[in-house]
Amino acid sequence: MEKEQVEFKNYYIAIFSSNYLFQGIDQSLFAVIIPIYLIQYIGVLDAAALAFLGSIIGLPWIFKVFFGIIGDKVGSKKIGRRRPWIIGMMSMAGVMWALLGTPNLFNKENAITVFTVMGILIFTGVAFSDTIIDGLLLDICPKEKLGRASGFNWGLRSVGAIAGGPVLAILVVYGGLNVPSLFIIIGILMIASSLLTIFIKEPKQYPEVMLMIHLKEMFNNKRDFKTYIFSLFAAIVDSVVILFVTLFLLIQIGLISSIGTSLSLTTTDPIVYLYQGNMTMIISVGIVIGAIVGGQVADKKSRRLSVYLAYAITTISLLLMLIPTIWGVLLFFASLIGLAIGWRHSSYAAVVTEISKQHPAMDSTYYSLTNAFANLGGVIGLALTGVILSLTASYLMVFLFMALISNLGLVGFFLLSPTDYEFKLSRKESESVMKSENDLKP
């Protein structure tokens, strides 16, 4: 049974993007706000405890494939297959944030434990909701708008992840907003963003999910294995770039001292946070522009052209960081790196979401599986970069290495058939078949 066709309204993209924005903000809060807050609250904090906190709360993202299976298999015939999960799981995460803002929930002795448990619950809700939102987008978004919709989503999520923490930190430092109140506000806004999906019309009819048969179909053909290879290398440098670009700029400004691989602040002035916040804002603007433009090129020109341009910009912008120049010029080069990240995300999403539609019964599961490979690629990229930095103690070698390995994504892309991801080609092919059939009719 084919899925019921639903008219896709343009304002749906804004609703999707608002949910993606808060996914990024959640990640940024745990990376920027919470470590500082815990140090201030507890007084003396072991760095190993923060490392443990950061590693444990990321575990729910590993289970996105299982979230996709649940979202594809279980739903409500009256409300829809997707919206109950989106609203329920995102609201659960919002409630957890609000609870963190209430007094007497934790003390100095159990603060780390409480934030770890609450972090797991928050990211379980966010990761689950993220997976189901992807599925809803695949269900209702027409092929000719997938690139633009995916571009906005990836762009806003990246902005939340990169710029959310610094912006919220400015509100705390200069806006007089205390951190617990910030947690409550974020929780309320997350619940509100999930409730906006009520205005999205969802199909009431879906193909019947035959779990084992459909899962087997994802691993018994060459096309899907080629897609997994493409996904594995699509984001291999992204985590490294986000980590090292602003760090390198702060070294060039002189706010951070670098001796070998050891880093230390050269000042106790909190202005270092403003520099870091402004730089991440500039990079995030580049990400949004790249995501929007890349999605437009993917939809209006071709997905192949968008992918090629994304990788070309990535390579060139990383190589530009090798040029010895003033930090202001390097900041411009960094904004180009942000542009490349956003462009590559939207072009990748346009390709993979198109292929996901070839598994209509479990498209959400398939898309979450490809993203699992992308996340694995990011881990590999970080590990390889750590080895290069340890061997060379040179950030310039890191940028050169990233420029080279970023193009591994093209290896997987070359293996794909254009008819699998270019909706214009598949449409022409279908029209040609229909025309041939009509010609044969008496």
Protein backbone atom coordinates (compact mmCIF):
# COMPACT_ATOMS: atom_id res chain seq x y z
CA MET A 1 0.00 0.00 0.00
CA GLU A 2 1.38 3.40 -0.96
CA LYS A 3 1.46 6.21 1.60
CA GLU A 4 -1.32 8.74 1.53
CA GLN A 5 -0.15 11.93 -0.19
CA VAL A 6 -0.23 15.03 2.01
CA GLU A 7 0.06 18.61 0.76
CA PHE A 8 3.33 20.05 2.05
CA LYS A 9 2.93 23.61 3.35
CA ASN A 10 5.95 25.93 3.32
CA TYR A 11 5.48 26.81 7.00
CA TYR A 12 6.09 23.14 7.83
CA ILE A 13 9.80 23.79 7.26
CA ALA A 14 9.79 26.41 10.03
CA ILE A 15 8.16 23.93 12.43
CA PHE A 16 10.69 21.22 11.59
CA SER A 17 13.58 23.68 11.91
CA SER A 18 12.47 24.94 15.34
CA ASN A 19 12.65 21.40 16.70
CA TYR A 20 16.08 20.88 15.15
CA LEU A 21 17.28 24.16 16.66
CA PHE A 22 16.50 22.96 20.18
CA GLN A 23 18.26 19.66 19.50
CA GLY A 24 21.41 21.67 18.87
CA ILE A 25 20.84 23.97 21.86
CA ASP A 26 20.56 20.93 24.15
CA GLN A 27 23.98 19.72 23.01
CA SER A 28 25.48 23.18 23.43
CA LEU A 29 24.06 23.59 26.94
CA PHE A 30 25.80 20.44 28.13
CA ALA A 31 29.03 21.51 26.42
CA VAL A 32 29.19 25.17 27.50
CA ILE A 33 26.79 26.13 30.31
CA ILE A 34 26.57 23.04 32.51
CA PRO A 35 30.33 22.44 33.03
CA ILE A 36 30.82 26.04 34.23
CA TYR A 37 27.65 25.88 36.35
CA LEU A 38 28.73 22.64 38.05
CA ILE A 39 32.21 23.99 38.80
CA GLN A 40 30.68 27.11 40.38
CA TYR A 41 28.07 25.10 42.28
CA ILE A 42 30.31 22.33 43.61
CA GLY A 43 33.45 24.45 44.04
CA VAL A 44 36.08 21.87 43.10
CA LEU A 45 35.30 19.43 40.31
CA ASP A 46 37.33 16.57 38.92
CA ALA A 47 37.73 16.93 35.14
CA ALA A 48 37.30 13.16 34.82
CA ALA A 49 33.78 13.53 36.23
CA LEU A 50 32.89 16.00 33.48
CA ALA A 51 34.36 13.66 30.87
CA PHE A 52 32.27 10.81 32.28
CA LEU A 53 29.16 13.00 32.20
CA GLY A 54 29.76 13.98 28.57
CA SER A 55 30.34 10.41 27.40
CA ILE A 56 27.37 8.86 29.22
CA ILE A 57 24.71 11.35 28.11
CA GLY A 58 25.61 10.72 24.46
CA LEU A 59 24.65 7.04 24.65
CA PRO A 60 20.98 7.49 23.55
CA TRP A 61 22.13 8.58 20.07
CA ILE A 62 23.53 5.08 19.53
CA PHE A 63 19.99 3.68 19.70
CA LYS A 64 18.49 5.87 16.94
CA VAL A 65 17.99 2.82 14.73
CA PHE A 66 15.79 1.21 17.38
CA PHE A 67 13.88 4.47 17.83
CA GLY A 68 13.29 4.45 14.07
CA ILE A 69 11.92 0.90 14.20
CA ILE A 70 9.50 1.83 16.99
CA GLY A 71 8.40 4.99 15.16
CA ASP A 72 7.84 3.08 11.91
CA LYS A 73 6.02 0.19 13.57
CA VAL A 74 3.94 1.74 16.38
CA GLY A 75 1.61 4.73 16.14
CA SER A 76 -1.95 5.99 16.49
CA LYS A 77 -4.46 5.56 13.67
CA LYS A 78 -6.40 8.62 14.82
CA ILE A 79 -3.54 11.03 15.60
CA GLY A 80 -0.90 9.67 13.26
CA ARG A 81 2.18 7.50 13.36
CA ARG A 82 4.73 10.25 14.02
CA ARG A 83 3.29 13.17 16.02
CA PRO A 84 2.52 11.31 19.27
CA TRP A 85 6.18 10.25 19.53
CA ILE A 86 7.53 13.71 18.61
CA ILE A 87 5.35 15.55 21.12
CA GLY A 88 5.69 12.92 23.84
CA MET A 89 9.46 12.45 23.73
CA MET A 90 10.37 16.12 23.15
CA SER A 91 8.02 17.13 25.98
CA MET A 92 9.66 14.56 28.25
CA ALA A 93 13.02 16.18 27.56
CA GLY A 94 11.51 19.62 28.23
CA VAL A 95 10.10 18.46 31.57
CA MET A 96 13.54 17.12 32.56
CA TRP A 97 15.08 20.55 31.83
CA ALA A 98 12.39 22.25 33.91
CA LEU A 99 13.05 19.86 36.80
CA LEU A 100 16.77 20.71 36.67
CA GLY A 101 15.77 24.31 37.28
CA THR A 102 13.75 23.56 40.41
CA PRO A 103 15.35 24.08 43.83
CA ASN A 104 16.43 21.23 46.13
CA LEU A 105 16.64 18.64 43.33
CA PHE A 106 20.35 18.09 43.95
CA ASN A 107 23.16 19.06 46.28
CA LYS A 108 26.94 19.26 46.06
CA GLU A 109 27.34 15.56 46.83
CA ASN A 110 24.97 14.19 44.16
CA ALA A 111 24.98 16.97 41.52
CA ILE A 112 27.08 15.02 38.99
CA THR A 113 24.89 11.92 39.38
CA VAL A 114 21.67 13.92 39.01
CA PHE A 115 22.88 15.78 35.90
CA THR A 116 24.09 12.50 34.38
CA VAL A 117 20.74 10.76 34.89
CA MET A 118 18.76 13.79 33.72
CA GLY A 119 21.10 14.18 30.74
CA ILE A 120 20.44 10.59 29.67
CA LEU A 121 16.68 11.17 29.91
CA ILE A 122 16.90 14.49 28.04
CA PHE A 123 18.92 13.06 25.17
CA THR A 124 16.77 9.92 25.03
CA GLY A 125 13.81 12.21 24.39
CA VAL A 126 15.74 14.40 21.94
CA ALA A 127 17.29 11.49 20.00
CA PHE A 128 13.95 9.65 19.82
CA SER A 129 12.13 12.79 18.68
CA ASP A 130 14.88 13.60 16.16
CA THR A 131 14.51 10.17 14.57
CA ILE A 132 10.73 10.45 14.29
CA ILE A 133 10.89 14.02 12.93
CA ASP A 134 13.18 12.73 10.19
CA GLY A 135 10.56 10.10 9.42
CA LEU A 136 7.73 12.65 9.26
CA LEU A 137 9.77 14.82 6.89
CA LEU A 138 10.34 11.80 4.64
CA ASP A 139 6.63 10.95 4.77
CA ILE A 140 5.27 14.27 3.57
CA CYS A 141 8.03 16.32 1.91
CA PRO A 142 7.95 16.15 -1.92
CA LYS A 143 11.19 15.19 -3.62
CA GLU A 144 11.70 18.61 -5.18
CA LYS A 145 11.78 20.27 -1.72
CA LEU A 146 13.82 17.72 0.23
CA GLY A 147 17.11 19.55 -0.26
CA ARG A 148 15.79 22.89 0.99
CA ALA A 149 13.92 21.39 3.93
CA SER A 150 16.89 19.27 4.98
CA GLY A 151 19.22 22.24 4.55
CA PHE A 152 17.18 24.42 6.91
CA ASN A 153 16.97 21.61 9.45
CA TRP A 154 20.69 20.79 9.46
CA GLY A 155 21.58 24.49 9.45
CA LEU A 156 19.41 25.39 12.45
CA ARG A 157 20.59 22.35 14.40
CA SER A 158 24.22 23.30 13.75
CA VAL A 159 23.53 26.88 14.83
CA GLY A 160 22.00 25.62 18.06
CA ALA A 161 24.93 23.27 18.72
CA ILE A 162 27.67 25.80 17.95
CA ALA A 163 26.20 29.18 18.89
CA GLY A 164 23.51 28.21 21.40
CA GLY A 165 25.84 27.85 24.38
CA PRO A 166 27.78 31.10 23.87
CA VAL A 167 24.58 33.09 23.28
CA LEU A 168 22.96 31.66 26.40
CA ALA A 169 26.17 32.35 28.33
CA ILE A 170 25.92 36.01 27.32
CA LEU A 171 22.34 36.07 28.64
CA VAL A 172 23.55 34.68 31.96
CA VAL A 173 26.57 37.01 32.25
CA TYR A 174 25.04 40.25 30.98
CA GLY A 175 21.30 39.60 31.05
CA GLY A 176 21.09 38.76 34.74
CA LEU A 177 19.41 35.42 34.04
CA ASN A 178 20.40 32.70 36.51
CA VAL A 179 21.17 29.23 35.17
CA PRO A 180 18.26 27.35 36.83
CA SER A 181 15.81 29.83 35.28
CA LEU A 182 17.52 29.25 31.95
CA PHE A 183 16.88 25.50 32.27
CA ILE A 184 13.17 26.12 32.92
CA ILE A 185 12.84 28.48 29.94
CA ILE A 186 14.56 26.02 27.60
CA GLY A 187 12.26 23.23 28.83
CA ILE A 188 9.12 25.27 28.18
CA LEU A 189 10.30 26.32 24.70
CA MET A 190 11.12 22.71 23.79
CA ILE A 191 7.62 21.58 24.74
CA ALA A 192 6.14 24.45 22.73
CA SER A 193 8.22 23.60 19.65
CA SER A 194 7.05 19.97 19.77
CA LEU A 195 3.40 21.06 20.07
CA LEU A 196 3.76 23.03 16.83
CA THR A 197 3.78 19.71 14.97
CA ILE A 198 0.02 19.58 15.66
CA PHE A 199 -0.29 21.97 12.69
CA ILE A 200 1.44 19.49 10.36
CA LYS A 201 -0.97 17.17 8.56
CA GLU A 202 0.25 13.60 8.79
CA PRO A 203 -0.76 10.65 6.58
CA LYS A 204 -3.33 8.33 8.14
CA GLN A 205 -2.43 5.46 5.82
CA TYR A 206 1.01 3.83 5.77
CA PRO A 207 2.45 0.68 4.23
CA GLU A 208 2.26 -2.31 6.55
CA VAL A 209 5.58 -2.83 8.36
CA MET A 210 6.88 -6.40 8.15
CA LEU A 211 9.83 -5.87 10.45
CA MET A 212 12.24 -8.67 9.58
CA ILE A 213 11.52 -8.56 5.86
CA HIS A 214 12.00 -4.79 5.61
CA LEU A 215 15.13 -4.80 7.77
CA LYS A 216 16.60 -7.52 5.57
CA GLU A 217 15.88 -5.39 2.50
CA MET A 218 18.22 -2.72 3.91
CA PHE A 219 21.20 -5.08 3.75
CA ASN A 220 20.63 -7.26 0.72
CA ASN A 221 21.41 -4.88 -2.15
CA LYS A 222 24.45 -2.99 -3.39
CA ARG A 223 22.70 0.39 -3.52
CA ASP A 224 22.19 0.55 0.22
CA PHE A 225 25.70 -0.60 1.06
CA LYS A 226 27.03 2.14 -1.23
CA THR A 227 24.81 4.63 0.62
CA TYR A 228 26.25 3.48 3.95
CA ILE A 229 29.80 4.01 2.62
CA PHE A 230 28.84 7.52 1.50
CA SER A 231 27.29 8.23 4.91
CA LEU A 232 30.32 6.90 6.80
CA PHE A 233 32.64 9.49 5.28
CA ALA A 234 30.14 12.32 4.72
CA ALA A 235 30.81 14.03 8.08
CA ILE A 236 34.23 12.63 8.93
CA VAL A 237 35.79 16.07 9.52
CA ASP A 238 32.85 17.98 10.98
CA SER A 239 33.46 17.25 14.68
CA VAL A 240 37.16 17.98 14.21
CA VAL A 241 36.49 21.27 12.44
CA ILE A 242 34.07 22.51 15.11
CA LEU A 243 36.58 21.59 17.82
CA PHE A 244 39.78 22.96 16.29
CA VAL A 245 38.88 26.05 14.23
CA THR A 246 37.97 28.38 17.11
CA LEU A 247 40.78 26.88 19.20
CA PHE A 248 43.29 27.69 16.46
CA LEU A 249 41.93 31.23 16.15
CA LEU A 250 42.25 31.84 19.90
CA ILE A 251 45.87 30.67 19.68
CA GLN A 252 46.53 33.12 16.85
CA ILE A 253 44.97 35.98 18.82
CA GLY A 254 47.16 35.10 21.80
CA LEU A 255 44.40 34.27 24.28
CA ILE A 256 45.53 30.64 24.42
CA SER A 257 49.12 29.48 24.70
CA SER A 258 50.07 26.33 22.80
CA ILE A 259 53.24 24.41 23.62
CA GLY A 260 53.23 21.12 21.75
CA THR A 261 49.79 19.72 22.44
CA SER A 262 49.45 21.45 25.82
CA LEU A 263 47.08 24.40 26.03
CA SER A 264 46.66 27.08 28.68
CA LEU A 265 44.89 30.43 28.99
CA THR A 266 47.08 33.51 28.85
CA THR A 267 44.58 35.66 30.71
CA THR A 268 42.00 35.43 33.46
CA ASP A 269 39.88 38.09 31.74
CA PRO A 270 36.45 36.62 30.80
CA ILE A 271 36.73 38.40 27.45
CA VAL A 272 38.01 35.09 26.09
CA TYR A 273 34.42 33.81 26.23
CA LEU A 274 33.20 36.79 24.19
CA TYR A 275 35.85 36.14 21.54
CA GLN A 276 34.86 32.50 21.40
CA GLY A 277 31.16 33.36 21.28
CA ASN A 278 31.60 35.90 18.47
CA MET A 279 33.71 33.51 16.42
CA THR A 280 31.25 30.66 16.75
CA MET A 281 28.43 33.02 15.77
CA ILE A 282 30.26 33.99 12.58
CA ILE A 283 30.94 30.34 11.74
CA SER A 284 27.31 29.43 12.44
CA VAL A 285 26.10 32.17 10.08
CA GLY A 286 28.27 30.51 7.43
CA ILE A 287 26.65 27.15 8.25
CA VAL A 288 23.14 28.54 7.78
CA ILE A 289 24.00 30.24 4.49
CA GLY A 290 25.71 27.08 3.23
CA ALA A 291 22.79 24.87 4.25
CA ILE A 292 20.24 27.12 2.53
CA VAL A 293 22.24 27.62 -0.68
CA GLY A 294 23.27 23.97 -0.85
CA GLY A 295 19.66 22.86 -0.50
CA GLN A 296 18.55 25.28 -3.22
CA VAL A 297 21.23 24.00 -5.62
CA ALA A 298 20.32 20.38 -4.81
CA ASP A 299 16.63 20.94 -5.59
CA LYS A 300 16.77 23.42 -8.46
CA LYS A 301 19.94 22.31 -10.26
CA SER A 302 21.08 18.84 -9.24
CA ARG A 303 22.10 16.93 -6.16
CA ARG A 304 25.30 15.81 -7.84
CA LEU A 305 26.36 19.42 -8.51
CA SER A 306 25.53 20.40 -4.91
CA VAL A 307 27.66 17.55 -3.52
CA TYR A 308 30.62 18.40 -5.78
CA LEU A 309 30.50 22.08 -4.82
CA ALA A 310 30.23 21.19 -1.13
CA TYR A 311 33.39 19.09 -1.19
CA ALA A 312 35.26 21.64 -3.30
CA ILE A 313 34.45 24.43 -0.82
CA THR A 314 35.39 22.16 2.11
CA THR A 315 38.81 21.35 0.66
CA ILE A 316 39.63 24.91 -0.39
CA SER A 317 38.51 26.50 2.88
CA LEU A 318 40.58 24.05 4.97
CA LEU A 319 43.65 24.65 2.81
CA LEU A 320 43.22 28.41 3.20
CA MET A 321 43.79 27.98 6.96
CA LEU A 322 47.40 27.04 6.12
CA ILE A 323 48.13 30.56 4.87
CA PRO A 324 50.14 32.64 7.39
CA THR A 325 48.07 35.80 7.82
CA ILE A 326 46.36 37.97 10.43
CA TRP A 327 43.64 36.41 12.57
CA GLY A 328 40.89 38.55 11.01
CA VAL A 329 41.55 36.96 7.61
CA LEU A 330 41.69 33.54 9.25
CA LEU A 331 38.27 34.26 10.76
CA PHE A 332 36.93 34.89 7.25
CA PHE A 333 38.43 31.57 6.15
CA ALA A 334 36.74 29.97 9.17
CA SER A 335 33.39 31.36 8.03
CA LEU A 336 33.98 29.64 4.69
CA ILE A 337 34.55 26.39 6.60
CA GLY A 338 31.17 26.95 8.26
CA LEU A 339 29.65 27.54 4.82
CA ALA A 340 31.17 24.23 3.67
CA ILE A 341 29.78 22.33 6.69
CA GLY A 342 26.24 23.61 6.10
CA TRP A 343 26.42 23.01 2.35
CA ARG A 344 27.74 19.48 2.83
CA HIS A 345 25.03 18.67 5.37
CA SER A 346 22.20 19.80 3.10
CA SER A 347 23.58 18.07 -0.01
CA TYR A 348 24.17 14.85 1.96
CA ALA A 349 20.67 14.99 3.44
CA ALA A 350 19.10 15.59 0.01
CA VAL A 351 20.82 12.49 -1.38
CA VAL A 352 20.18 10.18 1.56
CA THR A 353 16.56 11.23 2.17
CA GLU A 354 15.81 10.61 -1.50
CA ILE A 355 17.23 7.08 -1.24
CA SER A 356 15.38 6.56 2.06
CA LYS A 357 12.10 7.00 0.18
CA GLN A 358 12.87 3.71 -1.56
CA HIS A 359 12.12 2.03 1.80
CA PRO A 360 8.65 3.59 2.29
CA ALA A 361 7.53 1.19 5.03
CA MET A 362 10.55 1.98 7.26
CA ASP A 363 12.06 5.17 5.82
CA SER A 364 12.68 6.61 9.31
CA THR A 365 14.62 3.50 10.34
CA TYR A 366 16.66 3.57 7.15
CA TYR A 367 17.52 7.25 7.49
CA SER A 368 18.52 6.79 11.14
CA LEU A 369 20.74 3.90 10.05
CA THR A 370 22.58 6.09 7.53
CA ASN A 371 23.03 8.76 10.21
CA ALA A 372 24.46 6.12 12.54
CA PHE A 373 27.16 5.50 9.93
CA ALA A 374 27.71 9.27 9.67
CA ASN A 375 28.14 9.52 13.45
CA LEU A 376 30.61 6.62 13.34
CA GLY A 377 32.55 8.50 10.66
CA GLY A 378 32.76 11.54 12.93
CA VAL A 379 34.24 9.39 15.70
CA ILE A 380 36.80 7.95 13.25
CA GLY A 381 37.71 11.45 12.09
CA LEU A 382 38.33 12.63 15.66
CA ALA A 383 40.46 9.57 16.43
CA LEU A 384 42.59 9.93 13.30
CA THR A 385 43.06 13.65 13.89
CA GLY A 386 44.14 12.96 17.47
CA VAL A 387 46.82 10.63 16.13
CA ILE A 388 48.04 13.23 13.61
CA LEU A 389 48.17 15.95 16.26
CA SER A 390 50.07 13.69 18.67
CA LEU A 391 52.62 12.80 16.01
CA THR A 392 53.13 16.29 14.57
CA ALA A 393 52.02 18.72 17.34
CA SER A 394 51.01 20.99 14.46
CA TYR A 395 47.55 22.44 13.90
CA LEU A 396 48.52 23.25 10.33
CA MET A 397 49.08 19.54 9.70
CA VAL A 398 45.64 18.91 11.19
CA PHE A 399 44.01 21.25 8.66
CA LEU A 400 46.00 19.68 5.80
CA PHE A 401 44.98 16.21 6.96
CA MET A 402 41.32 17.24 7.22
CA ALA A 403 41.39 18.77 3.75
CA LEU A 404 42.59 15.43 2.36
CA ILE A 405 40.34 13.00 4.25
CA SER A 406 37.24 15.13 3.78
CA ASN A 407 37.20 13.94 0.18
CA LEU A 408 36.72 10.32 1.21
CA GLY A 409 33.02 11.13 1.09
CA LEU A 410 33.29 11.48 -2.68
CA VAL A 411 34.48 7.86 -2.93
CA GLY A 412 31.15 6.64 -1.60
CA PHE A 413 29.22 9.20 -3.65
CA PHE A 414 30.86 8.08 -6.93
CA LEU A 415 29.54 4.57 -6.25
CA LEU A 416 25.91 5.74 -6.19
CA SER A 417 23.74 5.75 -9.27
CA PRO A 418 22.33 9.23 -10.11
CA THR A 419 18.90 7.71 -10.72
CA ASP A 420 18.77 6.76 -7.02
CA TYR A 421 19.14 10.32 -5.72
CA GLU A 422 18.31 12.69 -8.62
CA PHE A 423 14.53 13.00 -8.46
CA LYS A 424 14.47 14.68 -11.87
CA LEU A 425 16.16 11.68 -13.50
CA SER A 426 13.88 9.17 -11.74
CA ARG A 427 10.85 11.24 -12.77
CA LYS A 428 11.97 11.32 -16.42
CA GLU A 429 12.62 7.59 -16.27
CA SER A 430 9.12 6.94 -14.90
CA GLU A 431 7.56 9.20 -17.53
CA SER A 432 9.50 7.39 -20.26
CA VAL A 433 8.28 4.00 -19.02
CA MET A 434 4.69 5.24 -18.88
CA LYS A 435 4.98 6.66 -22.39
CA SER A 436 6.35 3.36 -23.70
CA GLU A 437 3.50 1.47 -22.06
CA ASN A 438 0.93 3.83 -23.54
CA ASP A 439 2.48 3.45 -26.98
CA LEU A 440 2.09 -0.33 -26.75
CA LYS A 441 -1.58 -0.10 -25.90
CA PRO A 442 -3.91 -0.82 -28.83
